[in-house]
Amino acid sequence: MSTVTQSLPCQGLNCNKDASRLECPKCKELGIQNSVFCDQACFKKSWSSHKNVHKAASSKLAALAAALSDPAGPPGTHNPFPTHRFTGALRPVYPLSPRRQIREGVAKPDWADDGVWATAKTWWGVSVAAMRSPRLTLLSSVLVVNGIPREEQKLARGLASIDIHTPEQIETMRRISRVGREVLDLAASHIKPGVTTDEIDKVVHDATVAAGAYPSPLNYHKFPKSVCTSINEVICHGIPDKRPLEEGDIINLDDLNATYPVGQISADSARLIRTTRASLDAAIALCKPGTPFRDIGGAIEPICTKEGFSVVRTYTGHGVGKQFHQDPTILHFNNARSKGVMKPGMIFTIEPMVNGSPSFHVDHWPDDWTAVTRDGARSAQFEETILITDDGCEVLTAAGDWVEVGHAKKPKAAATGCA
């Protein structure tokens, strides 16, 4: 115990005496002022509760030290999770920009607003007027709380619930898919060193709304942005922030998604991107009526493991249609228990996430969204939306330079001109 010269109230447990000159040495070391006691006996009696003061102060100092030694980004920004044990070099760069607004006249899905009754003409969460299919318009009035897609949660689960879409619904999905592809291509054209992911989010948001559509990720289970931007070791669901892209990064843009290089990238990163795309195309080539869904993972995983990579098992592909996510569930790894076969009129996504190491394990940041590789390895992902036709499949979201393969054909719909 060291000494002080000022008389202060004793900090002992339930003690009403004036303090002597006895000061807690640990508090002095931590810079905690006025931690004084009346005598040694009182100090010892109070130790079990008093030491919590040290723990709290130590945590604050650790957070400050981490923030100072690991700067998040440009002046005025910060890492909101300075004590989190990150698996790689990437850090979040906050504050996030304010939530972007949806202009009047754009139909909203049931997760778009919080805690209010919302009535909107909606069909699959996209403005029907913009898609020029007014006969498909549905009028719904739903209670929306905390970004929860309540209509999606009401869906029955199982093979019997997989939608077989009508010709009218398929045509609408073609148009919606073209909007998604054109917005993705526009966003990708802005990828370069120095551009922030928040700037890319603005491009996606503005282009989507200009097309009369709602950016599906926005407020979905409270996701704060209009696109997911997943950099380097981030597998998926990265939140756009103020971090500038750096030469050598790789970045995935989702939803619809693809992975892109930022400037010149390493040979290993290029191989990871190339392998992930090849595994998706191999799975697409199998898609036709009668193909078991389990064959998708059976095509994807061997291609990736041959390169020393691994396929993430935590996240899957899914059906798409009246809701953002619906049956079937598409596994991207070998799994004989995956049931069901493809039938004409089914529409679903295939979107393998591939880690650049043998570990498929996933960790998460404290933002409740960002999924990262547990070992810090880089990860890549590509996605397409597939329509099963009578004699094969149609890749509704295919890029203009996509090469037809196997039973898969390019989409029939014309471009929408949203970009």
Protein backbone atom coordinates (compact mmCIF):
# COMPACT_ATOMS: atom_id res chain seq x y z
CA MET A 1 0.00 0.00 0.00
CA SER A 2 1.27 3.48 -0.84
CA THR A 3 0.17 6.71 0.82
CA VAL A 4 -1.70 9.91 -0.08
CA THR A 5 -1.92 13.19 1.83
CA GLN A 6 -5.59 14.07 1.24
CA SER A 7 -8.42 12.98 3.59
CA LEU A 8 -11.23 11.27 1.68
CA PRO A 9 -14.12 8.88 2.46
CA CYS A 10 -13.03 5.27 2.89
CA GLN A 11 -13.81 3.12 -0.16
CA GLY A 12 -14.25 0.01 1.99
CA LEU A 13 -17.39 -2.10 1.76
CA ASN A 14 -20.15 -0.58 3.95
CA CYS A 15 -17.59 1.65 5.69
CA ASN A 16 -18.58 5.19 6.75
CA LYS A 17 -15.22 6.26 8.13
CA ASP A 18 -12.81 8.79 6.70
CA ALA A 19 -9.95 7.25 4.81
CA SER A 20 -6.41 7.27 6.10
CA ARG A 21 -3.51 7.71 3.72
CA LEU A 22 -3.66 4.08 2.61
CA GLU A 23 -4.17 3.74 -1.15
CA CYS A 24 -4.79 0.58 -3.21
CA PRO A 25 -1.55 0.00 -5.17
CA LYS A 26 -3.31 -1.69 -8.09
CA CYS A 27 -5.68 1.26 -8.50
CA LYS A 28 -2.74 3.62 -8.48
CA GLU A 29 -1.07 1.53 -11.19
CA LEU A 30 -4.23 1.69 -13.31
CA GLY A 31 -4.65 5.42 -12.77
CA ILE A 32 -7.81 5.12 -10.64
CA GLN A 33 -7.92 8.11 -8.30
CA ASN A 34 -9.15 8.37 -4.68
CA SER A 35 -9.08 4.60 -4.07
CA VAL A 36 -8.27 4.99 -0.35
CA PHE A 37 -9.18 3.04 2.80
CA CYS A 38 -9.33 3.68 6.54
CA ASP A 39 -7.00 0.79 7.44
CA GLN A 40 -5.53 -2.53 6.27
CA ALA A 41 -8.33 -4.60 7.84
CA CYS A 42 -11.01 -2.68 5.95
CA PHE A 43 -9.07 -3.01 2.71
CA LYS A 44 -8.74 -6.80 3.13
CA LYS A 45 -12.42 -7.16 4.05
CA SER A 46 -13.42 -5.28 0.91
CA TRP A 47 -11.02 -7.00 -1.46
CA SER A 48 -13.46 -9.50 -3.02
CA SER A 49 -15.70 -6.70 -4.28
CA HIS A 50 -13.05 -4.02 -4.76
CA LYS A 51 -11.04 -6.07 -7.26
CA ASN A 52 -13.92 -5.76 -9.73
CA VAL A 53 -12.90 -2.13 -10.08
CA HIS A 54 -9.55 -3.34 -11.41
CA LYS A 55 -11.19 -5.66 -13.94
CA ALA A 56 -13.41 -2.91 -15.31
CA ALA A 57 -10.52 -0.48 -15.60
CA SER A 58 -8.28 -3.10 -17.23
CA SER A 59 -10.92 -3.84 -19.87
CA LYS A 60 -11.23 -0.16 -20.73
CA LEU A 61 -7.47 0.20 -20.99
CA ALA A 62 -7.23 -2.88 -23.19
CA ALA A 63 -9.90 -1.52 -25.51
CA LEU A 64 -8.13 1.82 -25.75
CA ALA A 65 -4.77 0.18 -26.38
CA ALA A 66 -6.24 -2.04 -29.09
CA ALA A 67 -7.89 0.89 -30.79
CA LEU A 68 -4.67 2.91 -30.73
CA SER A 69 -2.44 0.07 -31.91
CA ASP A 70 -4.87 -1.13 -34.59
CA PRO A 71 -6.30 1.98 -36.27
CA ALA A 72 -9.43 1.16 -38.23
CA GLY A 73 -9.19 3.61 -41.08
CA PRO A 74 -9.30 7.29 -42.07
CA PRO A 75 -9.53 10.11 -39.49
CA GLY A 76 -12.91 10.26 -37.77
CA THR A 77 -13.43 6.50 -38.02
CA HIS A 78 -13.00 3.71 -35.52
CA ASN A 79 -13.10 -0.04 -34.97
CA PRO A 80 -16.30 -0.67 -32.97
CA PHE A 81 -15.04 -4.00 -31.63
CA PRO A 82 -11.48 -3.27 -30.45
CA THR A 83 -11.33 -6.20 -27.99
CA HIS A 84 -12.72 -8.79 -30.43
CA ARG A 85 -10.28 -11.49 -31.49
CA PHE A 86 -10.37 -11.15 -35.26
CA THR A 87 -9.31 -14.19 -37.28
CA GLY A 88 -7.63 -12.15 -40.04
CA ALA A 89 -6.30 -8.68 -40.81
CA LEU A 90 -9.60 -7.08 -41.83
CA ARG A 91 -11.30 -4.67 -39.41
CA PRO A 92 -14.66 -2.88 -39.51
CA VAL A 93 -14.46 0.88 -40.09
CA TYR A 94 -17.29 2.80 -38.43
CA PRO A 95 -19.41 4.89 -38.11
CA LEU A 96 -21.79 3.48 -40.69
CA SER A 97 -23.58 5.94 -42.92
CA PRO A 98 -27.29 6.57 -42.24
CA ARG A 99 -29.78 4.08 -43.61
CA ARG A 100 -30.60 4.88 -47.24
CA GLN A 101 -34.18 5.77 -48.08
CA ILE A 102 -36.64 4.20 -50.51
CA ARG A 103 -38.45 6.64 -52.75
CA GLU A 104 -42.22 6.87 -52.87
CA GLY A 105 -43.82 4.40 -55.27
CA VAL A 106 -41.35 1.55 -54.78
CA ALA A 107 -43.12 -1.47 -53.29
CA LYS A 108 -41.58 -2.80 -50.09
CA PRO A 109 -41.31 -6.33 -48.70
CA ASP A 110 -42.62 -7.02 -45.20
CA TRP A 111 -39.20 -6.56 -43.55
CA ALA A 112 -38.63 -3.07 -44.93
CA ASP A 113 -40.12 -1.03 -42.06
CA ASP A 114 -40.05 -1.38 -38.28
CA GLY A 115 -43.01 -1.64 -35.94
CA VAL A 116 -45.65 -0.13 -38.24
CA TRP A 117 -48.57 -1.35 -40.30
CA ALA A 118 -47.51 -1.23 -43.92
CA THR A 119 -49.82 -1.66 -46.88
CA ALA A 120 -48.18 -2.03 -50.26
CA LYS A 121 -48.77 -3.54 -53.68
CA THR A 122 -46.06 -6.16 -53.72
CA TRP A 123 -45.12 -9.25 -55.60
CA TRP A 124 -41.96 -11.00 -54.52
CA GLY A 125 -40.77 -7.77 -52.90
CA VAL A 126 -40.36 -5.97 -56.23
CA SER A 127 -42.38 -3.17 -57.78
CA VAL A 128 -44.83 -4.87 -60.11
CA ALA A 129 -45.43 -1.63 -62.00
CA ALA A 130 -41.74 -1.42 -62.82
CA MET A 131 -41.77 -5.06 -63.96
CA ARG A 132 -44.82 -4.37 -66.20
CA SER A 133 -46.85 -7.31 -64.83
CA PRO A 134 -49.85 -5.63 -63.14
CA ARG A 135 -52.02 -8.72 -63.35
CA LEU A 136 -49.71 -10.38 -60.81
CA THR A 137 -50.14 -7.62 -58.24
CA LEU A 138 -51.17 -8.77 -54.75
CA LEU A 139 -52.47 -6.43 -52.04
CA SER A 140 -51.17 -7.26 -48.57
CA SER A 141 -51.35 -5.61 -45.17
CA VAL A 142 -48.81 -6.95 -42.69
CA LEU A 143 -47.43 -6.02 -39.30
CA VAL A 144 -43.69 -5.55 -39.59
CA VAL A 145 -41.48 -5.70 -36.51
CA ASN A 146 -37.70 -5.49 -36.35
CA GLY A 147 -37.01 -6.35 -39.98
CA ILE A 148 -38.48 -9.85 -39.67
CA PRO A 149 -39.72 -11.42 -42.95
CA ARG A 150 -42.91 -12.76 -41.39
CA GLU A 151 -44.47 -14.07 -44.58
CA GLU A 152 -41.27 -16.01 -45.29
CA GLN A 153 -41.38 -17.55 -41.82
CA LYS A 154 -44.95 -18.72 -42.36
CA LEU A 155 -43.96 -20.95 -45.28
CA ALA A 156 -44.40 -24.67 -44.89
CA ARG A 157 -41.14 -26.60 -45.03
CA GLY A 158 -40.30 -29.78 -46.91
CA LEU A 159 -40.18 -31.10 -50.46
CA ALA A 160 -43.94 -30.73 -50.94
CA SER A 161 -43.62 -26.97 -50.43
CA ILE A 162 -41.23 -26.34 -53.36
CA ASP A 163 -43.00 -24.00 -55.77
CA ILE A 164 -43.61 -24.98 -59.37
CA HIS A 165 -43.86 -21.59 -61.03
CA THR A 166 -46.38 -20.63 -63.67
CA PRO A 167 -45.30 -19.20 -67.05
CA GLU A 168 -46.35 -15.73 -65.87
CA GLN A 169 -44.34 -16.05 -62.67
CA ILE A 170 -41.32 -17.31 -64.61
CA GLU A 171 -41.45 -14.32 -66.93
CA THR A 172 -41.55 -11.97 -63.95
CA MET A 173 -38.56 -13.79 -62.40
CA ARG A 174 -36.65 -13.36 -65.65
CA ARG A 175 -37.13 -9.61 -65.48
CA ILE A 176 -36.28 -9.43 -61.78
CA SER A 177 -33.13 -11.48 -62.36
CA ARG A 178 -31.99 -9.14 -65.13
CA VAL A 179 -32.35 -6.18 -62.79
CA GLY A 180 -30.17 -8.02 -60.28
CA ARG A 181 -27.51 -8.84 -62.88
CA GLU A 182 -27.36 -5.31 -64.28
CA VAL A 183 -27.09 -3.76 -60.83
CA LEU A 184 -24.33 -6.22 -59.91
CA ASP A 185 -22.38 -5.43 -63.07
CA LEU A 186 -22.75 -1.71 -62.44
CA ALA A 187 -21.50 -2.06 -58.85
CA ALA A 188 -18.57 -4.20 -59.99
CA SER A 189 -17.47 -1.44 -62.38
CA HIS A 190 -16.79 0.78 -59.34
CA ILE A 191 -14.42 -1.68 -57.65
CA LYS A 192 -10.91 -0.23 -57.41
CA PRO A 193 -8.39 0.68 -54.70
CA GLY A 194 -9.52 3.65 -52.61
CA VAL A 195 -13.27 3.14 -53.09
CA THR A 196 -15.13 2.37 -49.85
CA THR A 197 -17.70 -0.39 -49.58
CA ASP A 198 -20.18 2.26 -48.41
CA GLU A 199 -19.76 3.98 -51.77
CA ILE A 200 -20.48 0.69 -53.52
CA ASP A 201 -23.58 0.26 -51.35
CA LYS A 202 -24.82 3.64 -52.57
CA VAL A 203 -24.35 2.58 -56.19
CA VAL A 204 -26.35 -0.61 -55.59
CA HIS A 205 -29.08 1.17 -53.65
CA ASP A 206 -29.56 4.00 -56.13
CA ALA A 207 -29.56 1.73 -59.20
CA THR A 208 -32.01 -0.72 -57.64
CA VAL A 209 -34.45 1.97 -56.57
CA ALA A 210 -34.13 3.70 -59.95
CA ALA A 211 -35.26 0.41 -61.53
CA GLY A 212 -38.39 0.51 -59.36
CA ALA A 213 -37.19 -2.33 -57.15
CA TYR A 214 -36.36 -2.75 -53.45
CA PRO A 215 -32.78 -3.80 -52.49
CA SER A 216 -33.57 -7.09 -50.77
CA PRO A 217 -30.87 -7.08 -48.04
CA LEU A 218 -31.95 -3.70 -46.64
CA ASN A 219 -33.37 -4.24 -43.12
CA TYR A 220 -33.73 -7.99 -43.70
CA HIS A 221 -33.42 -9.22 -40.11
CA LYS A 222 -32.08 -5.70 -39.44
CA PHE A 223 -29.23 -5.84 -41.98
CA PRO A 224 -28.35 -2.13 -42.25
CA LYS A 225 -27.34 -1.84 -45.92
CA SER A 226 -28.54 -2.59 -49.45
CA VAL A 227 -25.78 -5.02 -50.42
CA CYS A 228 -23.35 -7.35 -48.64
CA THR A 229 -19.67 -6.58 -49.25
CA SER A 230 -17.39 -9.41 -48.11
CA ILE A 231 -13.65 -8.75 -48.28
CA ASN A 232 -10.78 -11.25 -48.03
CA GLU A 233 -11.48 -13.56 -45.03
CA VAL A 234 -15.14 -12.54 -44.88
CA ILE A 235 -17.23 -15.44 -46.19
CA CYS A 236 -20.53 -13.60 -46.49
CA HIS A 237 -22.81 -10.88 -45.05
CA GLY A 238 -20.12 -8.22 -44.70
CA ILE A 239 -21.59 -4.81 -43.86
CA PRO A 240 -20.54 -1.91 -46.14
CA ASP A 241 -18.55 0.66 -44.16
CA LYS A 242 -15.88 3.33 -44.55
CA ARG A 243 -12.90 1.07 -45.22
CA PRO A 244 -11.28 1.92 -48.57
CA LEU A 245 -10.56 -1.09 -50.77
CA GLU A 246 -6.85 -1.90 -51.04
CA GLU A 247 -4.74 -3.23 -53.86
CA GLY A 248 -4.68 -7.03 -53.60
CA ASP A 249 -8.04 -7.39 -51.83
CA ILE A 250 -10.77 -9.65 -53.11
CA ILE A 251 -14.40 -8.62 -52.61
CA ASN A 252 -17.72 -10.39 -52.95
CA LEU A 253 -20.86 -8.41 -53.75
CA ASP A 254 -24.15 -10.04 -52.76
CA ASP A 255 -27.21 -10.40 -53.34
CA LEU A 256 -26.95 -11.70 -56.46
CA ASN A 257 -23.27 -12.24 -55.99
CA ALA A 258 -19.82 -12.69 -57.44
CA THR A 259 -16.23 -12.25 -56.24
CA TYR A 260 -13.88 -9.72 -57.82
CA PRO A 261 -10.19 -8.77 -57.59
CA VAL A 262 -9.18 -5.31 -56.42
CA GLY A 263 -6.30 -4.34 -58.67
CA GLN A 264 -3.57 -6.95 -58.89
CA ILE A 265 -4.13 -9.96 -56.61
CA SER A 266 -1.96 -12.91 -55.59
CA ALA A 267 -1.86 -16.12 -57.62
CA ASP A 268 -3.49 -17.99 -54.71
CA SER A 269 -6.38 -15.52 -54.55
CA ALA A 270 -6.88 -15.76 -58.31
CA ARG A 271 -6.89 -19.56 -58.07
CA LEU A 272 -9.49 -19.41 -55.30
CA ILE A 273 -11.78 -17.18 -57.37
CA ARG A 274 -11.31 -19.31 -60.48
CA THR A 275 -11.97 -22.57 -58.63
CA THR A 276 -15.11 -21.25 -56.95
CA ARG A 277 -16.57 -20.14 -60.27
CA ALA A 278 -15.64 -23.47 -61.91
CA SER A 279 -17.34 -25.44 -59.13
CA LEU A 280 -20.55 -23.45 -59.60
CA ASP A 281 -20.52 -24.00 -63.37
CA ALA A 282 -19.99 -27.73 -62.86
CA ALA A 283 -23.08 -27.87 -60.68
CA ILE A 284 -25.14 -25.80 -63.12
CA ALA A 285 -24.21 -28.20 -65.94
CA LEU A 286 -26.07 -30.99 -64.11
CA CYS A 287 -29.32 -29.11 -63.62
CA LYS A 288 -32.25 -30.67 -65.46
CA PRO A 289 -35.47 -32.48 -64.60
CA GLY A 290 -34.84 -35.61 -62.55
CA THR A 291 -31.42 -34.57 -61.20
CA PRO A 292 -31.23 -35.13 -57.41
CA PHE A 293 -30.46 -31.97 -55.44
CA ARG A 294 -27.64 -33.86 -53.69
CA ASP A 295 -25.73 -33.96 -56.99
CA ILE A 296 -25.08 -30.21 -56.68
CA GLY A 297 -22.79 -30.65 -53.68
CA GLY A 298 -21.37 -33.78 -55.26
CA ALA A 299 -20.19 -31.71 -58.21
CA ILE A 300 -18.92 -28.72 -56.24
CA GLU A 301 -16.94 -30.20 -53.36
CA PRO A 302 -14.47 -32.45 -55.26
CA ILE A 303 -13.38 -29.56 -57.48
CA CYS A 304 -12.62 -27.44 -54.41
CA THR A 305 -10.94 -30.08 -52.25
CA LYS A 306 -8.65 -31.03 -55.14
CA GLU A 307 -7.20 -27.51 -54.88
CA GLY A 308 -6.76 -27.74 -51.10
CA PHE A 309 -9.86 -25.61 -50.48
CA SER A 310 -13.03 -26.32 -48.50
CA VAL A 311 -16.74 -25.68 -49.02
CA VAL A 312 -18.57 -23.79 -46.27
CA ARG A 313 -21.36 -25.87 -44.73
CA THR A 314 -23.02 -23.22 -42.56
CA TYR A 315 -24.73 -21.42 -45.44
CA THR A 316 -26.73 -22.82 -48.36
CA GLY A 317 -28.49 -21.97 -51.57
CA HIS A 318 -32.27 -21.76 -51.54
CA GLY A 319 -35.46 -21.50 -53.48
CA VAL A 320 -36.57 -18.06 -54.56
CA GLY A 321 -39.94 -16.75 -55.66
CA LYS A 322 -42.73 -15.31 -53.59
CA GLN A 323 -40.23 -14.91 -50.75
CA PHE A 324 -36.56 -13.96 -50.53
CA HIS A 325 -35.64 -17.42 -49.18
CA GLN A 326 -37.76 -20.55 -49.50
CA ASP A 327 -37.44 -24.26 -50.27
CA PRO A 328 -35.53 -26.13 -51.53
CA THR A 329 -32.38 -25.87 -49.41
CA ILE A 330 -29.32 -26.34 -51.63
CA LEU A 331 -26.25 -27.91 -49.99
CA HIS A 332 -22.92 -27.20 -51.66
CA PHE A 333 -21.05 -30.17 -50.16
CA ASN A 334 -21.41 -33.95 -50.46
CA ASN A 335 -24.44 -35.04 -48.45
CA ALA A 336 -26.36 -38.19 -49.33
CA ARG A 337 -29.20 -37.16 -47.01
CA SER A 338 -30.13 -34.20 -49.23
CA LYS A 339 -33.51 -35.24 -50.66
CA GLY A 340 -35.59 -34.34 -53.68
CA VAL A 341 -35.16 -34.03 -57.43
CA MET A 342 -35.39 -31.12 -59.83
CA LYS A 343 -38.65 -30.53 -61.70
CA PRO A 344 -39.65 -28.09 -64.45
CA GLY A 345 -40.77 -24.76 -63.01
CA MET A 346 -38.56 -24.88 -59.93
CA ILE A 347 -36.35 -21.83 -59.30
CA PHE A 348 -33.45 -21.85 -56.84
CA THR A 349 -29.99 -20.44 -56.23
CA ILE A 350 -26.66 -22.21 -56.23
CA GLU A 351 -24.09 -20.11 -54.38
CA PRO A 352 -21.04 -22.01 -53.07
CA MET A 353 -18.78 -20.30 -50.53
CA VAL A 354 -15.26 -21.68 -50.78
CA ASN A 355 -12.48 -21.10 -48.23
CA GLY A 356 -8.88 -20.94 -49.36
CA SER A 357 -7.78 -23.63 -46.87
CA PRO A 358 -8.95 -27.11 -45.81
CA SER A 359 -11.00 -25.57 -42.97
CA PHE A 360 -14.69 -24.91 -43.69
CA HIS A 361 -15.34 -23.55 -40.20
CA VAL A 362 -16.98 -20.18 -39.64
CA ASP A 363 -16.67 -17.45 -36.98
CA HIS A 364 -18.69 -14.24 -36.67
CA TRP A 365 -17.97 -10.64 -35.77
CA PRO A 366 -19.98 -9.04 -32.95
CA ASP A 367 -22.15 -7.16 -35.48
CA ASP A 368 -24.25 -10.37 -35.71
CA TRP A 369 -23.76 -10.54 -39.47
CA THR A 370 -20.20 -10.73 -40.71
CA ALA A 371 -19.17 -14.38 -41.21
CA VAL A 372 -15.42 -15.02 -41.46
CA THR A 373 -13.10 -17.98 -41.90
CA ARG A 374 -11.98 -19.32 -38.55
CA ASP A 375 -8.35 -19.56 -39.66
CA GLY A 376 -8.22 -16.19 -41.42
CA ALA A 377 -7.94 -17.72 -44.92
CA ARG A 378 -9.56 -15.89 -47.80
CA SER A 379 -12.97 -16.94 -49.08
CA ALA A 380 -14.79 -16.55 -52.42
CA GLN A 381 -18.36 -17.03 -53.59
CA PHE A 382 -20.41 -16.98 -56.77
CA GLU A 383 -24.17 -17.31 -57.24
CA GLU A 384 -26.66 -17.89 -60.02
CA THR A 385 -30.43 -18.28 -60.02
CA ILE A 386 -31.53 -21.41 -61.89
CA LEU A 387 -34.86 -22.17 -63.57
CA ILE A 388 -35.47 -25.84 -64.34
CA THR A 389 -36.96 -26.19 -67.83
CA ASP A 390 -38.43 -29.19 -69.67
CA ASP A 391 -35.09 -30.16 -71.20
CA GLY A 392 -32.48 -28.62 -68.88
CA CYS A 393 -32.18 -25.29 -67.11
CA GLU A 394 -32.00 -21.58 -67.71
CA VAL A 395 -29.49 -19.45 -65.78
CA LEU A 396 -31.71 -16.46 -65.10
CA THR A 397 -28.90 -14.29 -63.70
CA ALA A 398 -26.18 -15.18 -66.22
CA ALA A 399 -23.75 -12.45 -67.22
CA GLY A 400 -23.51 -11.47 -70.86
CA ASP A 401 -20.20 -13.32 -71.32
CA TRP A 402 -21.30 -16.49 -69.51
CA VAL A 403 -20.67 -19.59 -71.64
CA GLU A 404 -23.49 -22.12 -71.89
CA VAL A 405 -22.54 -25.49 -70.46
CA GLY A 406 -24.17 -28.92 -70.24
CA HIS A 407 -27.95 -28.64 -69.98
CA ALA A 408 -27.77 -24.93 -69.03
CA LYS A 409 -28.85 -22.11 -71.31
CA LYS A 410 -28.70 -18.32 -71.10
CA PRO A 411 -31.79 -16.40 -70.02
CA LYS A 412 -34.37 -15.48 -72.65
CA ALA A 413 -35.38 -12.12 -71.16
CA ALA A 414 -34.14 -8.88 -72.66
CA ALA A 415 -32.12 -6.45 -70.55
CA THR A 416 -34.12 -3.93 -68.54
CA GLY A 417 -31.78 -0.99 -69.04
CA CYS A 418 -31.60 -0.22 -65.31
CA ALA A 419 -27.84 0.37 -65.40
